[in-house]
Amino acid sequence: MAGTSLGARFYRQIKRHPGLIPMISFIGLGMGSAALYLLRLALRSPDVCWDRKNPEPWNRLSPNDQYKFLAVSTDYKKLKKDRPDF
């Protein structure tokens, strides 16, 4: 046991207990989805600023930009500008 790798031990456990396969796959799917959502929040959200040249990127957003993940009742194409330019 001391000389076996982690992958070999994992493979042996899967061979002995095939009922673990769905659990491991759903856990992997959940972790992957969470990682992709966090990556999306870090790169696409107007609340996060990675640009040092423009420390206020939310001022560049027009009223037509949809920045929410899911907008149920709002049609962003019909919105008009109701704020001043800075």
N, C-alpha and C. Protein backbone atom coordinates (compact mmCIF):
# COMPACT_ATOMS: atom_id res chain seq x y z
N MET A 1 0.81 -1.19 0.00
CA MET A 1 0.00 0.00 0.00
C MET A 1 0.85 1.26 0.00
N ALA A 2 2.04 1.20 0.56
CA ALA A 2 2.87 2.39 0.67
C ALA A 2 3.37 2.84 -0.70
N GLY A 3 3.58 1.90 -1.62
CA GLY A 3 4.13 2.25 -2.92
C GLY A 3 3.09 2.56 -3.98
N THR A 4 1.80 2.38 -3.68
CA THR A 4 0.78 2.62 -4.70
C THR A 4 0.44 4.10 -4.77
N SER A 5 0.08 4.51 -5.95
CA SER A 5 -0.25 5.92 -6.14
C SER A 5 -1.71 6.17 -5.76
N LEU A 6 -2.04 7.42 -5.68
CA LEU A 6 -3.40 7.82 -5.31
C LEU A 6 -4.41 7.38 -6.37
N GLY A 7 -4.02 7.49 -7.63
CA GLY A 7 -4.91 7.09 -8.71
C GLY A 7 -5.20 5.60 -8.70
N ALA A 8 -4.18 4.78 -8.37
CA ALA A 8 -4.38 3.33 -8.32
C ALA A 8 -5.31 2.95 -7.18
N ARG A 9 -5.15 3.60 -6.03
CA ARG A 9 -6.04 3.32 -4.91
C ARG A 9 -7.47 3.76 -5.22
N PHE A 10 -7.61 4.90 -5.88
CA PHE A 10 -8.93 5.39 -6.26
C PHE A 10 -9.59 4.42 -7.24
N TYR A 11 -8.83 3.92 -8.20
CA TYR A 11 -9.37 2.97 -9.18
C TYR A 11 -9.81 1.68 -8.49
N ARG A 12 -9.05 1.20 -7.52
CA ARG A 12 -9.42 -0.01 -6.80
C ARG A 12 -10.70 0.19 -6.00
N GLN A 13 -10.85 1.35 -5.38
CA GLN A 13 -12.07 1.63 -4.63
C GLN A 13 -13.29 1.68 -5.55
N ILE A 14 -13.13 2.26 -6.72
CA ILE A 14 -14.23 2.34 -7.68
C ILE A 14 -14.60 0.94 -8.17
N LYS A 15 -13.59 0.09 -8.38
CA LYS A 15 -13.87 -1.28 -8.82
C LYS A 15 -14.62 -2.05 -7.74
N ARG A 16 -14.28 -1.83 -6.47
CA ARG A 16 -14.95 -2.53 -5.37
C ARG A 16 -16.35 -2.01 -5.10
N HIS A 17 -16.54 -0.70 -5.23
CA HIS A 17 -17.82 -0.06 -4.91
C HIS A 17 -18.31 0.75 -6.11
N PRO A 18 -18.95 0.11 -7.08
CA PRO A 18 -19.39 0.85 -8.28
C PRO A 18 -20.51 1.85 -7.99
N GLY A 19 -21.13 1.76 -6.84
CA GLY A 19 -22.17 2.73 -6.48
C GLY A 19 -21.62 4.12 -6.22
N LEU A 20 -20.31 4.25 -6.08
CA LEU A 20 -19.70 5.56 -5.86
C LEU A 20 -19.58 6.38 -7.14
N ILE A 21 -19.71 5.74 -8.28
CA ILE A 21 -19.51 6.45 -9.56
C ILE A 21 -20.51 7.59 -9.74
N PRO A 22 -21.82 7.40 -9.52
CA PRO A 22 -22.73 8.54 -9.67
C PRO A 22 -22.46 9.66 -8.67
N MET A 23 -22.13 9.29 -7.45
CA MET A 23 -21.86 10.30 -6.44
C MET A 23 -20.63 11.14 -6.82
N ILE A 24 -19.58 10.48 -7.26
CA ILE A 24 -18.36 11.19 -7.64
C ILE A 24 -18.61 12.06 -8.87
N SER A 25 -19.40 11.55 -9.82
CA SER A 25 -19.66 12.35 -11.01
C SER A 25 -20.51 13.58 -10.68
N PHE A 26 -21.52 13.45 -9.80
CA PHE A 26 -22.34 14.61 -9.45
C PHE A 26 -21.54 15.62 -8.62
N ILE A 27 -20.67 15.15 -7.76
CA ILE A 27 -19.82 16.07 -7.00
C ILE A 27 -18.88 16.80 -7.94
N GLY A 28 -18.31 16.09 -8.90
CA GLY A 28 -17.44 16.73 -9.89
C GLY A 28 -18.18 17.74 -10.73
N LEU A 29 -19.41 17.40 -11.13
CA LEU A 29 -20.22 18.33 -11.91
C LEU A 29 -20.56 19.58 -11.10
N GLY A 30 -20.89 19.41 -9.84
CA GLY A 30 -21.20 20.56 -8.99
C GLY A 30 -19.98 21.45 -8.76
N MET A 31 -18.83 20.84 -8.54
CA MET A 31 -17.61 21.63 -8.34
C MET A 31 -17.22 22.37 -9.62
N GLY A 32 -17.38 21.72 -10.76
CA GLY A 32 -17.07 22.37 -12.03
C GLY A 32 -18.01 23.53 -12.32
N SER A 33 -19.30 23.33 -12.03
CA SER A 33 -20.27 24.41 -12.25
C SER A 33 -20.00 25.60 -11.33
N ALA A 34 -19.66 25.32 -10.08
CA ALA A 34 -19.35 26.40 -9.14
C ALA A 34 -18.11 27.16 -9.58
N ALA A 35 -17.10 26.44 -10.06
CA ALA A 35 -15.87 27.10 -10.52
C ALA A 35 -16.14 27.97 -11.74
N LEU A 36 -16.93 27.48 -12.69
CA LEU A 36 -17.25 28.28 -13.87
C LEU A 36 -18.09 29.51 -13.51
N TYR A 37 -19.00 29.38 -12.55
CA TYR A 37 -19.81 30.53 -12.14
C TYR A 37 -18.94 31.58 -11.45
N LEU A 38 -18.01 31.15 -10.60
CA LEU A 38 -17.11 32.11 -9.96
C LEU A 38 -16.21 32.79 -10.98
N LEU A 39 -15.78 32.04 -11.99
CA LEU A 39 -14.97 32.64 -13.05
C LEU A 39 -15.79 33.67 -13.83
N ARG A 40 -17.05 33.36 -14.09
CA ARG A 40 -17.92 34.31 -14.77
C ARG A 40 -18.12 35.57 -13.94
N LEU A 41 -18.33 35.40 -12.63
CA LEU A 41 -18.50 36.57 -11.77
C LEU A 41 -17.24 37.42 -11.74
N ALA A 42 -16.08 36.79 -11.73
CA ALA A 42 -14.83 37.54 -11.66
C ALA A 42 -14.54 38.28 -12.95
N LEU A 43 -14.96 37.74 -14.09
CA LEU A 43 -14.59 38.35 -15.37
C LEU A 43 -15.68 39.23 -15.97
N ARG A 44 -16.94 38.95 -15.72
CA ARG A 44 -18.01 39.66 -16.40
C ARG A 44 -18.82 40.60 -15.52
N SER A 45 -18.69 40.53 -14.23
CA SER A 45 -19.50 41.34 -13.33
C SER A 45 -18.98 42.78 -13.28
N PRO A 46 -19.87 43.76 -13.26
CA PRO A 46 -19.41 45.14 -13.15
C PRO A 46 -18.96 45.49 -11.73
N ASP A 47 -19.18 44.61 -10.76
CA ASP A 47 -18.77 44.88 -9.39
C ASP A 47 -17.29 44.62 -9.16
N VAL A 48 -16.65 43.86 -10.04
CA VAL A 48 -15.24 43.52 -9.89
C VAL A 48 -14.44 44.35 -10.87
N CYS A 49 -13.39 44.98 -10.40
CA CYS A 49 -12.56 45.83 -11.26
C CYS A 49 -11.14 45.28 -11.31
N TRP A 50 -10.72 44.82 -12.49
CA TRP A 50 -9.36 44.33 -12.69
C TRP A 50 -8.51 45.38 -13.41
N ASP A 51 -9.12 46.43 -13.91
CA ASP A 51 -8.44 47.44 -14.71
C ASP A 51 -8.01 48.60 -13.82
N ARG A 52 -6.72 48.86 -13.74
CA ARG A 52 -6.25 49.97 -12.90
C ARG A 52 -6.38 51.32 -13.61
N LYS A 53 -6.49 51.30 -14.94
CA LYS A 53 -6.62 52.55 -15.68
C LYS A 53 -8.01 53.16 -15.51
N ASN A 54 -9.02 52.32 -15.42
CA ASN A 54 -10.39 52.79 -15.24
C ASN A 54 -10.93 52.15 -13.97
N PRO A 55 -10.80 52.80 -12.82
CA PRO A 55 -11.22 52.18 -11.57
C PRO A 55 -12.75 52.14 -11.38
N GLU A 56 -13.49 52.76 -12.26
CA GLU A 56 -14.95 52.75 -12.15
C GLU A 56 -15.57 52.24 -13.45
N PRO A 57 -15.51 50.93 -13.70
CA PRO A 57 -16.01 50.41 -14.98
C PRO A 57 -17.53 50.43 -15.10
N TRP A 58 -18.23 50.58 -13.99
CA TRP A 58 -19.69 50.60 -14.06
C TRP A 58 -20.21 51.85 -14.72
N ASN A 59 -19.37 52.89 -14.84
CA ASN A 59 -19.79 54.10 -15.54
C ASN A 59 -19.82 53.91 -17.05
N ARG A 60 -19.12 52.88 -17.55
CA ARG A 60 -19.13 52.61 -18.98
C ARG A 60 -20.36 51.82 -19.42
N LEU A 61 -21.10 51.26 -18.50
CA LEU A 61 -22.27 50.45 -18.86
C LEU A 61 -23.39 51.33 -19.37
N SER A 62 -23.93 50.97 -20.50
CA SER A 62 -25.10 51.68 -21.00
C SER A 62 -26.34 51.03 -20.41
N PRO A 63 -27.48 51.68 -20.48
CA PRO A 63 -28.70 51.08 -19.93
C PRO A 63 -29.10 49.79 -20.65
N ASN A 64 -28.59 49.58 -21.86
CA ASN A 64 -28.96 48.40 -22.63
C ASN A 64 -28.10 47.18 -22.30
N ASP A 65 -27.05 47.32 -21.52
CA ASP A 65 -26.17 46.19 -21.17
C ASP A 65 -26.83 45.34 -20.10
N GLN A 66 -26.94 44.05 -20.39
CA GLN A 66 -27.48 43.13 -19.40
C GLN A 66 -26.31 42.54 -18.63
N TYR A 67 -26.23 42.86 -17.36
CA TYR A 67 -25.14 42.35 -16.54
C TYR A 67 -25.63 41.32 -15.52
N LYS A 68 -26.93 41.14 -15.41
CA LYS A 68 -27.46 40.11 -14.53
C LYS A 68 -27.42 38.77 -15.25
N PHE A 69 -27.28 37.70 -14.47
CA PHE A 69 -27.22 36.37 -15.06
C PHE A 69 -28.56 35.98 -15.67
N LEU A 70 -29.64 36.31 -15.00
CA LEU A 70 -30.98 35.97 -15.48
C LEU A 70 -31.90 37.15 -15.22
N ALA A 71 -32.44 37.71 -16.26
CA ALA A 71 -33.39 38.81 -16.13
C ALA A 71 -34.75 38.29 -16.56
N VAL A 72 -35.64 38.10 -15.60
CA VAL A 72 -36.93 37.47 -15.89
C VAL A 72 -37.90 38.43 -16.56
N SER A 73 -38.08 39.60 -16.00
CA SER A 73 -39.13 40.49 -16.51
C SER A 73 -38.59 41.77 -17.12
N THR A 74 -37.28 41.95 -17.20
CA THR A 74 -36.72 43.20 -17.72
C THR A 74 -36.21 42.99 -19.13
N ASP A 75 -36.68 43.82 -20.05
CA ASP A 75 -36.17 43.81 -21.42
C ASP A 75 -35.16 44.95 -21.54
N TYR A 76 -33.89 44.63 -21.57
CA TYR A 76 -32.84 45.64 -21.53
C TYR A 76 -32.75 46.43 -22.84
N LYS A 77 -33.30 45.94 -23.91
CA LYS A 77 -33.22 46.65 -25.19
C LYS A 77 -34.13 47.87 -25.21
N LYS A 78 -35.16 47.89 -24.37
CA LYS A 78 -36.12 49.00 -24.38
C LYS A 78 -35.81 50.06 -23.33
N LEU A 79 -34.79 49.89 -22.53
CA LEU A 79 -34.48 50.86 -21.49
C LEU A 79 -33.84 52.11 -22.07
N LYS A 80 -34.15 53.24 -21.46
CA LYS A 80 -33.57 54.51 -21.89
C LYS A 80 -32.62 55.01 -20.83
N LYS A 81 -31.72 55.88 -21.23
CA LYS A 81 -30.73 56.43 -20.31
C LYS A 81 -31.41 57.43 -19.38
N ASP A 82 -31.25 57.23 -18.07
CA ASP A 82 -31.87 58.13 -17.11
C ASP A 82 -30.86 58.61 -16.07
N ARG A 83 -29.60 58.64 -16.43
CA ARG A 83 -28.57 59.09 -15.50
C ARG A 83 -27.58 59.99 -16.23
N PRO A 84 -26.89 60.84 -15.51
CA PRO A 84 -25.95 61.75 -16.16
C PRO A 84 -24.63 61.06 -16.48
N ASP A 85 -23.87 61.66 -17.43
CA ASP A 85 -22.54 61.19 -17.76
C ASP A 85 -21.53 61.78 -16.77
N PHE A 86 -20.57 60.99 -16.36
CA PHE A 86 -19.52 61.47 -15.49
C PHE A 86 -18.19 61.40 -16.18
